[in-house]
Full PDB file with SEQRES, HELIX, SHEET, SSBOND, CRYST1, ORIGX, SCALE, CONECT and MASTER records, all heavy atoms in Angstrom:
SEQRES   1 A   39  ILE TYR LYS CYS VAL GLY CYS ASP LYS GLU VAL THR ILE          
SEQRES   2 A   39  ALA GLY GLY LYS THR ILE PRO PRO GLN ASN HIS HIS GLN          
SEQRES   3 A   39  HIS SER SER ALA GLN GLY SER ILE ARG TRP GLN LEU PHE          
HELIX    1 AA1 GLN A   22  HIS A   24  5                                   3    
HELIX    2 AA2 SER A   29  GLN A   31  5                                   3    
SHEET    1 AA1 3 GLU A  10  VAL A  11  0                                        
SHEET    2 AA1 3 TYR A   2  CYS A   4 -1                                        
SHEET    3 AA1 3 TRP A  36  LEU A  38 -1                                        
CRYST1    1.000    1.000    1.000  90.00  90.00  90.00 P 1           1          
ORIGX1      1.000000  0.000000  0.000000        0.00000                         
ORIGX2      0.000000  1.000000  0.000000        0.00000                         
ORIGX3      0.000000  0.000000  1.000000        0.00000                         
SCALE1      1.000000  0.000000  0.000000        0.00000                         
SCALE2      0.000000  1.000000  0.000000        0.00000                         
SCALE3      0.000000  0.000000  1.000000        0.00000                         
ATOM      1  N   ILE A   1     -11.625 -85.331  35.545  1.00  0.00           N  
ATOM      2  CA  ILE A   1     -11.468 -85.067  34.122  1.00  0.00           C  
ATOM      3  C   ILE A   1     -12.852 -84.747  33.558  1.00  0.00           C  
ATOM      4  O   ILE A   1     -13.797 -85.510  33.753  1.00  0.00           O  
ATOM      5  CB  ILE A   1     -10.856 -86.269  33.386  1.00  0.00           C  
ATOM      6  CG1 ILE A   1      -9.474 -86.570  33.948  1.00  0.00           C  
ATOM      7  CG2 ILE A   1     -10.794 -86.006  31.879  1.00  0.00           C  
ATOM      8  CD1 ILE A   1      -8.870 -87.855  33.451  1.00  0.00           C  
ATOM      9  N   TYR A   2     -12.940 -83.608  32.878  1.00  0.00           N  
ATOM     10  CA  TYR A   2     -14.177 -83.167  32.259  1.00  0.00           C  
ATOM     11  C   TYR A   2     -14.040 -83.312  30.752  1.00  0.00           C  
ATOM     12  O   TYR A   2     -12.983 -83.042  30.202  1.00  0.00           O  
ATOM     13  CB  TYR A   2     -14.477 -81.712  32.621  1.00  0.00           C  
ATOM     14  CG  TYR A   2     -14.938 -81.568  34.055  1.00  0.00           C  
ATOM     15  CD1 TYR A   2     -14.035 -81.658  35.101  1.00  0.00           C  
ATOM     16  CD2 TYR A   2     -16.282 -81.372  34.351  1.00  0.00           C  
ATOM     17  CE1 TYR A   2     -14.457 -81.551  36.417  1.00  0.00           C  
ATOM     18  CE2 TYR A   2     -16.708 -81.254  35.667  1.00  0.00           C  
ATOM     19  CZ  TYR A   2     -15.791 -81.345  36.697  1.00  0.00           C  
ATOM     20  OH  TYR A   2     -16.210 -81.247  37.994  1.00  0.00           O  
ATOM     21  N   LYS A   3     -15.123 -83.744  30.112  1.00  0.00           N  
ATOM     22  CA  LYS A   3     -15.118 -83.946  28.663  1.00  0.00           C  
ATOM     23  C   LYS A   3     -16.118 -82.989  28.036  1.00  0.00           C  
ATOM     24  O   LYS A   3     -17.234 -82.826  28.527  1.00  0.00           O  
ATOM     25  CB  LYS A   3     -15.491 -85.389  28.342  1.00  0.00           C  
ATOM     26  CG  LYS A   3     -15.381 -85.737  26.866  1.00  0.00           C  
ATOM     27  CD  LYS A   3     -15.722 -87.183  26.604  1.00  0.00           C  
ATOM     28  CE  LYS A   3     -14.494 -88.022  26.842  1.00  0.00           C  
ATOM     29  NZ  LYS A   3     -14.598 -89.358  26.245  1.00  0.00           N  
ATOM     30  N   CYS A   4     -15.699 -82.364  26.928  1.00  0.00           N  
ATOM     31  CA  CYS A   4     -16.593 -81.478  26.186  1.00  0.00           C  
ATOM     32  C   CYS A   4     -17.668 -82.332  25.513  1.00  0.00           C  
ATOM     33  O   CYS A   4     -17.348 -83.313  24.838  1.00  0.00           O  
ATOM     34  CB  CYS A   4     -15.811 -80.671  25.160  1.00  0.00           C  
ATOM     35  SG  CYS A   4     -16.849 -79.521  24.243  1.00  0.00           S  
ATOM     36  N   VAL A   5     -18.921 -81.959  25.712  1.00  0.00           N  
ATOM     37  CA  VAL A   5     -20.037 -82.724  25.166  1.00  0.00           C  
ATOM     38  C   VAL A   5     -20.043 -82.701  23.638  1.00  0.00           C  
ATOM     39  O   VAL A   5     -20.377 -83.691  22.996  1.00  0.00           O  
ATOM     40  CB  VAL A   5     -21.376 -82.180  25.719  1.00  0.00           C  
ATOM     41  CG1 VAL A   5     -22.561 -82.871  25.085  1.00  0.00           C  
ATOM     42  CG2 VAL A   5     -21.421 -82.311  27.238  1.00  0.00           C  
ATOM     43  N   GLY A   6     -19.618 -81.589  23.036  1.00  0.00           N  
ATOM     44  CA  GLY A   6     -19.687 -81.450  21.579  1.00  0.00           C  
ATOM     45  C   GLY A   6     -18.545 -82.078  20.817  1.00  0.00           C  
ATOM     46  O   GLY A   6     -18.722 -82.574  19.714  1.00  0.00           O  
ATOM     47  N   CYS A   7     -17.317 -82.071  21.405  1.00  0.00           N  
ATOM     48  CA  CYS A   7     -16.155 -82.535  20.621  1.00  0.00           C  
ATOM     49  C   CYS A   7     -15.282 -83.565  21.340  1.00  0.00           C  
ATOM     50  O   CYS A   7     -14.298 -84.032  20.787  1.00  0.00           O  
ATOM     51  CB  CYS A   7     -15.296 -81.333  20.234  1.00  0.00           C  
ATOM     52  SG  CYS A   7     -14.466 -80.539  21.628  1.00  0.00           S  
ATOM     53  N   ASP A   8     -15.614 -83.916  22.577  1.00  0.00           N  
ATOM     54  CA  ASP A   8     -14.883 -84.918  23.371  1.00  0.00           C  
ATOM     55  C   ASP A   8     -13.493 -84.479  23.828  1.00  0.00           C  
ATOM     56  O   ASP A   8     -12.716 -85.292  24.304  1.00  0.00           O  
ATOM     57  CB  ASP A   8     -14.773 -86.258  22.635  1.00  0.00           C  
ATOM     58  CG  ASP A   8     -16.112 -86.958  22.510  1.00  0.00           C  
ATOM     59  OD1 ASP A   8     -17.005 -86.704  23.351  1.00  0.00           O  
ATOM     60  OD2 ASP A   8     -16.288 -87.752  21.579  1.00  0.00           O  
ATOM     61  N   LYS A   9     -13.155 -83.189  23.707  1.00  0.00           N  
ATOM     62  CA  LYS A   9     -11.892 -82.688  24.256  1.00  0.00           C  
ATOM     63  C   LYS A   9     -11.960 -82.854  25.776  1.00  0.00           C  
ATOM     64  O   LYS A   9     -13.011 -82.691  26.374  1.00  0.00           O  
ATOM     65  CB  LYS A   9     -11.709 -81.218  23.887  1.00  0.00           C  
ATOM     66  CG  LYS A   9     -10.389 -80.644  24.360  1.00  0.00           C  
ATOM     67  CD  LYS A   9     -10.209 -79.232  23.801  1.00  0.00           C  
ATOM     68  CE  LYS A   9      -8.881 -78.657  24.188  1.00  0.00           C  
ATOM     69  NZ  LYS A   9      -7.744 -79.283  23.532  1.00  0.00           N  
ATOM     70  N   GLU A  10     -10.840 -83.201  26.406  1.00  0.00           N  
ATOM     71  CA  GLU A  10     -10.814 -83.431  27.848  1.00  0.00           C  
ATOM     72  C   GLU A  10      -9.893 -82.437  28.544  1.00  0.00           C  
ATOM     73  O   GLU A  10      -8.875 -82.030  27.988  1.00  0.00           O  
ATOM     74  CB  GLU A  10     -10.336 -84.853  28.148  1.00  0.00           C  
ATOM     75  CG  GLU A  10     -11.273 -85.917  27.614  1.00  0.00           C  
ATOM     76  CD  GLU A  10     -10.752 -87.324  27.826  1.00  0.00           C  
ATOM     77  OE1 GLU A  10      -9.624 -87.498  28.345  1.00  0.00           O  
ATOM     78  OE2 GLU A  10     -11.469 -88.264  27.457  1.00  0.00           O  
ATOM     79  N   VAL A  11     -10.276 -82.048  29.768  1.00  0.00           N  
ATOM     80  CA  VAL A  11      -9.443 -81.195  30.617  1.00  0.00           C  
ATOM     81  C   VAL A  11      -9.509 -81.732  32.041  1.00  0.00           C  
ATOM     82  O   VAL A  11     -10.495 -82.344  32.435  1.00  0.00           O  
ATOM     83  CB  VAL A  11      -9.876 -79.713  30.609  1.00  0.00           C  
ATOM     84  CG1 VAL A  11      -9.681 -79.080  29.259  1.00  0.00           C  
ATOM     85  CG2 VAL A  11     -11.298 -79.544  31.092  1.00  0.00           C  
ATOM     86  N   THR A  12      -8.447 -81.522  32.796  1.00  0.00           N  
ATOM     87  CA  THR A  12      -8.421 -81.891  34.209  1.00  0.00           C  
ATOM     88  C   THR A  12      -8.685 -80.637  35.023  1.00  0.00           C  
ATOM     89  O   THR A  12      -8.055 -79.611  34.807  1.00  0.00           O  
ATOM     90  CB  THR A  12      -7.052 -82.486  34.580  1.00  0.00           C  
ATOM     91  OG1 THR A  12      -6.802 -83.609  33.732  1.00  0.00           O  
ATOM     92  CG2 THR A  12      -7.022 -82.926  36.027  1.00  0.00           C  
ATOM     93  N   ILE A  13      -9.624 -80.736  35.963  1.00  0.00           N  
ATOM     94  CA  ILE A  13     -10.013 -79.595  36.778  1.00  0.00           C  
ATOM     95  C   ILE A  13      -9.952 -79.993  38.249  1.00  0.00           C  
ATOM     96  O   ILE A  13     -10.447 -81.052  38.637  1.00  0.00           O  
ATOM     97  CB  ILE A  13     -11.461 -79.143  36.452  1.00  0.00           C  
ATOM     98  CG1 ILE A  13     -11.666 -78.901  34.968  1.00  0.00           C  
ATOM     99  CG2 ILE A  13     -11.857 -77.938  37.292  1.00  0.00           C  
ATOM    100  CD1 ILE A  13     -11.073 -77.642  34.443  1.00  0.00           C  
ATOM    101  N   ALA A  14      -9.350 -79.138  39.072  1.00  0.00           N  
ATOM    102  CA  ALA A  14      -9.349 -79.350  40.520  1.00  0.00           C  
ATOM    103  C   ALA A  14     -10.712 -78.919  41.067  1.00  0.00           C  
ATOM    104  O   ALA A  14     -11.335 -77.992  40.550  1.00  0.00           O  
ATOM    105  CB  ALA A  14      -8.238 -78.533  41.162  1.00  0.00           C  
ATOM    106  N   GLY A  15     -11.181 -79.600  42.096  1.00  0.00           N  
ATOM    107  CA  GLY A  15     -12.458 -79.258  42.705  1.00  0.00           C  
ATOM    108  C   GLY A  15     -12.490 -77.811  43.159  1.00  0.00           C  
ATOM    109  O   GLY A  15     -11.523 -77.289  43.712  1.00  0.00           O  
ATOM    110  N   GLY A  16     -13.606 -77.126  42.892  1.00  0.00           N  
ATOM    111  CA  GLY A  16     -13.769 -75.739  43.273  1.00  0.00           C  
ATOM    112  C   GLY A  16     -13.185 -74.745  42.285  1.00  0.00           C  
ATOM    113  O   GLY A  16     -13.322 -73.546  42.460  1.00  0.00           O  
ATOM    114  N   LYS A  17     -12.528 -75.207  41.253  1.00  0.00           N  
ATOM    115  CA  LYS A  17     -11.954 -74.330  40.221  1.00  0.00           C  
ATOM    116  C   LYS A  17     -12.967 -74.105  39.110  1.00  0.00           C  
ATOM    117  O   LYS A  17     -14.009 -74.745  39.058  1.00  0.00           O  
ATOM    118  CB  LYS A  17     -10.665 -74.930  39.646  1.00  0.00           C  
ATOM    119  CG  LYS A  17      -9.583 -75.130  40.677  1.00  0.00           C  
ATOM    120  CD  LYS A  17      -9.140 -73.802  41.251  1.00  0.00           C  
ATOM    121  CE  LYS A  17      -8.009 -74.023  42.242  1.00  0.00           C  
ATOM    122  NZ  LYS A  17      -7.570 -72.818  42.893  1.00  0.00           N  
ATOM    123  N   THR A  18     -12.634 -73.228  38.175  1.00  0.00           N  
ATOM    124  CA  THR A  18     -13.576 -72.926  37.100  1.00  0.00           C  
ATOM    125  C   THR A  18     -13.255 -73.703  35.829  1.00  0.00           C  
ATOM    126  O   THR A  18     -12.111 -74.032  35.553  1.00  0.00           O  
ATOM    127  CB  THR A  18     -13.587 -71.422  36.771  1.00  0.00           C  
ATOM    128  OG1 THR A  18     -12.271 -71.019  36.431  1.00  0.00           O  
ATOM    129  CG2 THR A  18     -14.096 -70.594  37.933  1.00  0.00           C  
ATOM    130  N   ILE A  19     -14.322 -73.963  35.102  1.00  0.00           N  
ATOM    131  CA  ILE A  19     -14.223 -74.608  33.791  1.00  0.00           C  
ATOM    132  C   ILE A  19     -13.508 -73.632  32.852  1.00  0.00           C  
ATOM    133  O   ILE A  19     -13.656 -72.419  32.989  1.00  0.00           O  
ATOM    134  CB  ILE A  19     -15.652 -74.921  33.283  1.00  0.00           C  
ATOM    135  CG1 ILE A  19     -16.345 -75.941  34.200  1.00  0.00           C  
ATOM    136  CG2 ILE A  19     -15.659 -75.385  31.847  1.00  0.00           C  
ATOM    137  CD1 ILE A  19     -15.751 -77.316  34.214  1.00  0.00           C  
ATOM    138  N   PRO A  20     -12.717 -74.114  31.888  1.00  0.00           N  
ATOM    139  CA  PRO A  20     -12.011 -73.210  30.974  1.00  0.00           C  
ATOM    140  C   PRO A  20     -12.954 -72.208  30.303  1.00  0.00           C  
ATOM    141  O   PRO A  20     -14.116 -72.527  30.041  1.00  0.00           O  
ATOM    142  CB  PRO A  20     -11.389 -74.147  29.936  1.00  0.00           C  
ATOM    143  CG  PRO A  20     -11.253 -75.447  30.642  1.00  0.00           C  
ATOM    144  CD  PRO A  20     -12.432 -75.517  31.577  1.00  0.00           C  
ATOM    145  N   PRO A  21     -12.451 -71.006  29.997  1.00  0.00           N  
ATOM    146  CA  PRO A  21     -13.283 -69.984  29.351  1.00  0.00           C  
ATOM    147  C   PRO A  21     -13.654 -70.363  27.914  1.00  0.00           C  
ATOM    148  O   PRO A  21     -13.092 -71.299  27.349  1.00  0.00           O  
ATOM    149  CB  PRO A  21     -12.399 -68.740  29.380  1.00  0.00           C  
ATOM    150  CG  PRO A  21     -11.011 -69.267  29.448  1.00  0.00           C  
ATOM    151  CD  PRO A  21     -11.079 -70.552  30.215  1.00  0.00           C  
ATOM    152  N   GLN A  22     -14.565 -69.612  27.351  1.00  0.00           N  
ATOM    153  CA  GLN A  22     -15.071 -69.864  25.995  1.00  0.00           C  
ATOM    154  C   GLN A  22     -13.950 -69.949  24.965  1.00  0.00           C  
ATOM    155  O   GLN A  22     -14.016 -70.733  24.025  1.00  0.00           O  
ATOM    156  CB  GLN A  22     -16.055 -68.752  25.601  1.00  0.00           C  
ATOM    157  CG  GLN A  22     -16.702 -68.933  24.243  1.00  0.00           C  
ATOM    158  CD  GLN A  22     -17.723 -70.047  24.208  1.00  0.00           C  
ATOM    159  OE1 GLN A  22     -18.364 -70.337  25.206  1.00  0.00           O  
ATOM    160  NE2 GLN A  22     -17.881 -70.671  23.063  1.00  0.00           N  
ATOM    161  N   ASN A  23     -12.881 -69.179  25.126  1.00  0.00           N  
ATOM    162  CA  ASN A  23     -11.810 -69.167  24.124  1.00  0.00           C  
ATOM    163  C   ASN A  23     -10.793 -70.304  24.307  1.00  0.00           C  
ATOM    164  O   ASN A  23      -9.798 -70.350  23.621  1.00  0.00           O  
ATOM    165  CB  ASN A  23     -11.099 -67.815  24.104  1.00  0.00           C  
ATOM    166  CG  ASN A  23     -10.381 -67.513  25.398  1.00  0.00           C  
ATOM    167  OD1 ASN A  23     -10.433 -68.292  26.354  1.00  0.00           O  
ATOM    168  ND2 ASN A  23      -9.729 -66.368  25.461  1.00  0.00           N  
ATOM    169  N   HIS A  24     -11.063 -71.232  25.211  1.00  0.00           N  
ATOM    170  CA  HIS A  24     -10.176 -72.383  25.433  1.00  0.00           C  
ATOM    171  C   HIS A  24     -10.043 -73.214  24.167  1.00  0.00           C  
ATOM    172  O   HIS A  24      -8.966 -73.655  23.801  1.00  0.00           O  
ATOM    173  CB  HIS A  24     -10.713 -73.231  26.586  1.00  0.00           C  
ATOM    174  CG  HIS A  24      -9.914 -74.459  26.868  1.00  0.00           C  
ATOM    175  ND1 HIS A  24     -10.265 -75.690  26.368  1.00  0.00           N  
ATOM    176  CD2 HIS A  24      -8.797 -74.648  27.588  1.00  0.00           C  
ATOM    177  CE1 HIS A  24      -9.389 -76.578  26.781  1.00  0.00           C  
ATOM    178  NE2 HIS A  24      -8.487 -75.980  27.523  1.00  0.00           N  
ATOM    179  N   HIS A  25     -11.157 -73.469  23.520  1.00  0.00           N  
ATOM    180  CA  HIS A  25     -11.163 -74.131  22.218  1.00  0.00           C  
ATOM    181  C   HIS A  25     -12.438 -73.727  21.496  1.00  0.00           C  
ATOM    182  O   HIS A  25     -13.348 -73.186  22.101  1.00  0.00           O  
ATOM    183  CB  HIS A  25     -11.025 -75.655  22.342  1.00  0.00           C  
ATOM    184  CG  HIS A  25     -12.219 -76.371  22.879  1.00  0.00           C  
ATOM    185  ND1 HIS A  25     -12.581 -76.378  24.213  1.00  0.00           N  
ATOM    186  CD2 HIS A  25     -13.142 -77.120  22.238  1.00  0.00           C  
ATOM    187  CE1 HIS A  25     -13.667 -77.112  24.366  1.00  0.00           C  
ATOM    188  NE2 HIS A  25     -14.037 -77.563  23.194  1.00  0.00           N  
ATOM    189  N   GLN A  26     -12.498 -73.966  20.197  1.00  0.00           N  
ATOM    190  CA  GLN A  26     -13.633 -73.534  19.385  1.00  0.00           C  
ATOM    191  C   GLN A  26     -14.381 -74.734  18.817  1.00  0.00           C  
ATOM    192  O   GLN A  26     -13.812 -75.806  18.648  1.00  0.00           O  
ATOM    193  CB  GLN A  26     -13.152 -72.634  18.242  1.00  0.00           C  
ATOM    194  CG  GLN A  26     -12.437 -71.381  18.710  1.00  0.00           C  
ATOM    195  CD  GLN A  26     -13.310 -70.523  19.596  1.00  0.00           C  
ATOM    196  OE1 GLN A  26     -14.458 -70.248  19.271  1.00  0.00           O  
ATOM    197  NE2 GLN A  26     -12.776 -70.107  20.737  1.00  0.00           N  
ATOM    198  N   HIS A  27     -15.649 -74.514  18.541  1.00  0.00           N  
ATOM    199  CA  HIS A  27     -16.503 -75.528  17.937  1.00  0.00           C  
ATOM    200  C   HIS A  27     -17.004 -75.047  16.592  1.00  0.00           C  
ATOM    201  O   HIS A  27     -17.166 -73.853  16.376  1.00  0.00           O  
ATOM    202  CB  HIS A  27     -17.736 -75.771  18.811  1.00  0.00           C  
ATOM    203  CG  HIS A  27     -17.513 -76.719  19.926  1.00  0.00           C  
ATOM    204  ND1 HIS A  27     -18.521 -77.103  20.753  1.00  0.00           N  
ATOM    205  CD2 HIS A  27     -16.408 -77.357  20.365  1.00  0.00           C  
ATOM    206  CE1 HIS A  27     -18.047 -77.946  21.662  1.00  0.00           C  
ATOM    207  NE2 HIS A  27     -16.766 -78.118  21.433  1.00  0.00           N  
ATOM    208  N   SER A  28     -17.331 -76.008  15.752  1.00  0.00           N  
ATOM    209  CA  SER A  28     -18.072 -75.691  14.528  1.00  0.00           C  
ATOM    210  C   SER A  28     -19.543 -75.560  14.923  1.00  0.00           C  
ATOM    211  O   SER A  28     -19.941 -75.975  16.018  1.00  0.00           O  
ATOM    212  CB  SER A  28     -17.906 -76.817  13.506  1.00  0.00           C  
ATOM    213  OG  SER A  28     -18.559 -77.989  13.964  1.00  0.00           O  
ATOM    214  N   SER A  29     -20.354 -75.023  14.057  1.00  0.00           N  
ATOM    215  CA  SER A  29     -21.783 -74.895  14.378  1.00  0.00           C  
ATOM    216  C   SER A  29     -22.428 -76.270  14.563  1.00  0.00           C  
ATOM    217  O   SER A  29     -23.370 -76.420  15.338  1.00  0.00           O  
ATOM    218  CB  SER A  29     -22.501 -74.097  13.296  1.00  0.00           C  
ATOM    219  OG  SER A  29     -22.330 -74.699  12.042  1.00  0.00           O  
ATOM    220  N   ALA A  30     -21.918 -77.287  13.891  1.00  0.00           N  
ATOM    221  CA  ALA A  30     -22.459 -78.640  14.034  1.00  0.00           C  
ATOM    222  C   ALA A  30     -22.214 -79.217  15.431  1.00  0.00           C  
ATOM    223  O   ALA A  30     -22.979 -80.057  15.900  1.00  0.00           O  
ATOM    224  CB  ALA A  30     -21.854 -79.560  12.983  1.00  0.00           C  
ATOM    225  N   GLN A  31     -21.144 -78.774  16.095  1.00  0.00           N  
ATOM    226  CA  GLN A  31     -20.826 -79.284  17.432  1.00  0.00           C  
ATOM    227  C   GLN A  31     -21.602 -78.574  18.535  1.00  0.00           C  
ATOM    228  O   GLN A  31     -21.621 -79.031  19.658  1.00  0.00           O  
ATOM    229  CB  GLN A  31     -19.325 -79.136  17.703  1.00  0.00           C  
ATOM    230  CG  GLN A  31     -18.476 -80.023  16.831  1.00  0.00           C  
ATOM    231  CD  GLN A  31     -17.011 -79.695  16.961  1.00  0.00           C  
ATOM    232  OE1 GLN A  31     -16.608 -78.536  16.939  1.00  0.00           O  
ATOM    233  NE2 GLN A  31     -16.198 -80.731  17.108  1.00  0.00           N  
ATOM    234  N   GLY A  32     -22.234 -77.479  18.218  1.00  0.00           N  
ATOM    235  CA  GLY A  32     -23.030 -76.753  19.208  1.00  0.00           C  
ATOM    236  C   GLY A  32     -22.159 -75.960  20.158  1.00  0.00           C  
ATOM    237  O   GLY A  32     -20.952 -75.812  19.961  1.00  0.00           O  
ATOM    238  N   SER A  33     -22.773 -75.461  21.214  1.00  0.00           N  
ATOM    239  CA  SER A  33     -22.042 -74.657  22.192  1.00  0.00           C  
ATOM    240  C   SER A  33     -21.102 -75.539  23.027  1.00  0.00           C  
ATOM    241  O   SER A  33     -21.296 -76.751  23.118  1.00  0.00           O  
ATOM    242  CB  SER A  33     -23.014 -73.910  23.097  1.00  0.00           C  
ATOM    243  OG  SER A  33     -23.794 -74.829  23.829  1.00  0.00           O  
ATOM    244  N   ILE A  34     -20.123 -74.913  23.631  1.00  0.00           N  
ATOM    245  CA  ILE A  34     -19.161 -75.647  24.462  1.00  0.00           C  
ATOM    246  C   ILE A  34     -19.811 -75.939  25.805  1.00  0.00           C  
ATOM    247  O   ILE A  34     -20.277 -75.045  26.503  1.00  0.00           O  
ATOM    248  CB  ILE A  34     -17.860 -74.838  24.622  1.00  0.00           C  
ATOM    249  CG1 ILE A  34     -17.196 -74.680  23.256  1.00  0.00           C  
ATOM    250  CG2 ILE A  34     -16.921 -75.515  25.616  1.00  0.00           C  
ATOM    251  CD1 ILE A  34     -15.998 -73.763  23.239  1.00  0.00           C  
ATOM    252  N   ARG A  35     -19.879 -77.230  26.146  1.00  0.00           N  
ATOM    253  CA  ARG A  35     -20.466 -77.699  27.398  1.00  0.00           C  
ATOM    254  C   ARG A  35     -19.588 -78.808  27.942  1.00  0.00           C  
ATOM    255  O   ARG A  35     -19.102 -79.640  27.190  1.00  0.00           O  
ATOM    256  CB  ARG A  35     -21.882 -78.252  27.154  1.00  0.00           C  
ATOM    257  CG  ARG A  35     -22.794 -77.235  26.545  1.00  0.00           C  
ATOM    258  CD  ARG A  35     -23.982 -77.795  25.753  1.00  0.00           C  
ATOM    259  NE  ARG A  35     -23.946 -79.064  25.061  1.00  0.00           N  
ATOM    260  CZ  ARG A  35     -23.483 -79.259  23.829  1.00  0.00           C  
ATOM    261  NH1 ARG A  35     -22.926 -78.306  23.137  1.00  0.00           N  
ATOM    262  NH2 ARG A  35     -23.556 -80.442  23.272  1.00  0.00           N  
ATOM    263  N   TRP A  36     -19.376 -78.822  29.230  1.00  0.00           N  
ATOM    264  CA  TRP A  36     -18.488 -79.799  29.858  1.00  0.00           C  
ATOM    265  C   TRP A  36     -19.267 -80.690  30.816  1.00  0.00           C  
ATOM    266  O   TRP A  36     -20.157 -80.231  31.525  1.00  0.00           O  
ATOM    267  CB  TRP A  36     -17.400 -79.079  30.643  1.00  0.00           C  
ATOM    268  CG  TRP A  36     -16.510 -78.233  29.798  1.00  0.00           C  
ATOM    269  CD1 TRP A  36     -16.643 -76.896  29.538  1.00  0.00           C  
ATOM    270  CD2 TRP A  36     -15.340 -78.651  29.096  1.00  0.00           C  
ATOM    271  NE1 TRP A  36     -15.635 -76.456  28.720  1.00  0.00           N  
ATOM    272  CE2 TRP A  36     -14.814 -77.518  28.442  1.00  0.00           C  
ATOM    273  CE3 TRP A  36     -14.684 -79.866  28.959  1.00  0.00           C  
ATOM    274  CZ2 TRP A  36     -13.662 -77.570  27.666  1.00  0.00           C  
ATOM    275  CZ3 TRP A  36     -13.540 -79.918  28.185  1.00  0.00           C  
ATOM    276  CH2 TRP A  36     -13.044 -78.785  27.551  1.00  0.00           C  
ATOM    277  N   GLN A  37     -18.885 -81.969  30.852  1.00  0.00           N  
ATOM    278  CA  GLN A  37     -19.467 -82.925  31.785  1.00  0.00           C  
ATOM    279  C   GLN A  37     -18.342 -83.726  32.423  1.00  0.00           C  
ATOM    280  O   GLN A  37     -17.359 -84.072  31.765  1.00  0.00           O  
ATOM    281  CB  GLN A  37     -20.416 -83.886  31.053  1.00  0.00           C  
ATOM    282  CG  GLN A  37     -21.800 -83.823  31.587  1.00  0.00           C  
ATOM    283  CD  GLN A  37     -22.748 -84.699  30.789  1.00  0.00           C  
ATOM    284  OE1 GLN A  37     -22.520 -85.075  29.638  1.00  0.00           O  
ATOM    285  NE2 GLN A  37     -23.858 -85.020  31.412  1.00  0.00           N  
ATOM    286  N   LEU A  38     -18.513 -84.005  33.719  1.00  0.00           N  
ATOM    287  CA  LEU A  38     -17.534 -84.812  34.431  1.00  0.00           C  
ATOM    288  C   LEU A  38     -17.473 -86.203  33.805  1.00  0.00           C  
ATOM    289  O   LEU A  38     -18.507 -86.835  33.570  1.00  0.00           O  
ATOM    290  CB  LEU A  38     -17.916 -84.914  35.906  1.00  0.00           C  
ATOM    291  CG  LEU A  38     -16.946 -85.639  36.820  1.00  0.00           C  
ATOM    292  CD1 LEU A  38     -15.599 -84.915  36.871  1.00  0.00           C  
ATOM    293  CD2 LEU A  38     -17.526 -85.770  38.220  1.00  0.00           C  
ATOM    294  N   PHE A  39     -16.277 -86.661  33.511  1.00  0.00           N  
ATOM    295  CA  PHE A  39     -16.070 -87.974  32.897  1.00  0.00           C  
ATOM    296  C   PHE A  39     -15.388 -88.927  33.876  1.00  0.00           C  
ATOM    297  O   PHE A  39     -15.743 -90.097  33.986  1.00  0.00           O  
ATOM    298  CB  PHE A  39     -15.252 -87.816  31.617  1.00  0.00           C  
ATOM    299  CG  PHE A  39     -14.994 -89.095  30.889  1.00  0.00           C  
ATOM    300  CD1 PHE A  39     -16.028 -89.778  30.289  1.00  0.00           C  
ATOM    301  CD2 PHE A  39     -13.714 -89.629  30.804  1.00  0.00           C  
ATOM    302  CE1 PHE A  39     -15.809 -90.974  29.607  1.00  0.00           C  
ATOM    303  CE2 PHE A  39     -13.493 -90.819  30.148  1.00  0.00           C  
ATOM    304  CZ  PHE A  39     -14.533 -91.491  29.553  1.00  0.00           C  
TER     305      PHE A  39                                                      
MASTER        0    0    0    2    3    0    0    6  304    1    0    3          
END                                                                             
């Protein structure tokens, strides 16, 4: 499970697959760019 650093949205990713594209969800300017970290 990966968590978005800016908004805490979570996604499940299989090993070797790609992180969701930029249009998966949107951020406000206060949340910064979309970045994912393994949770």
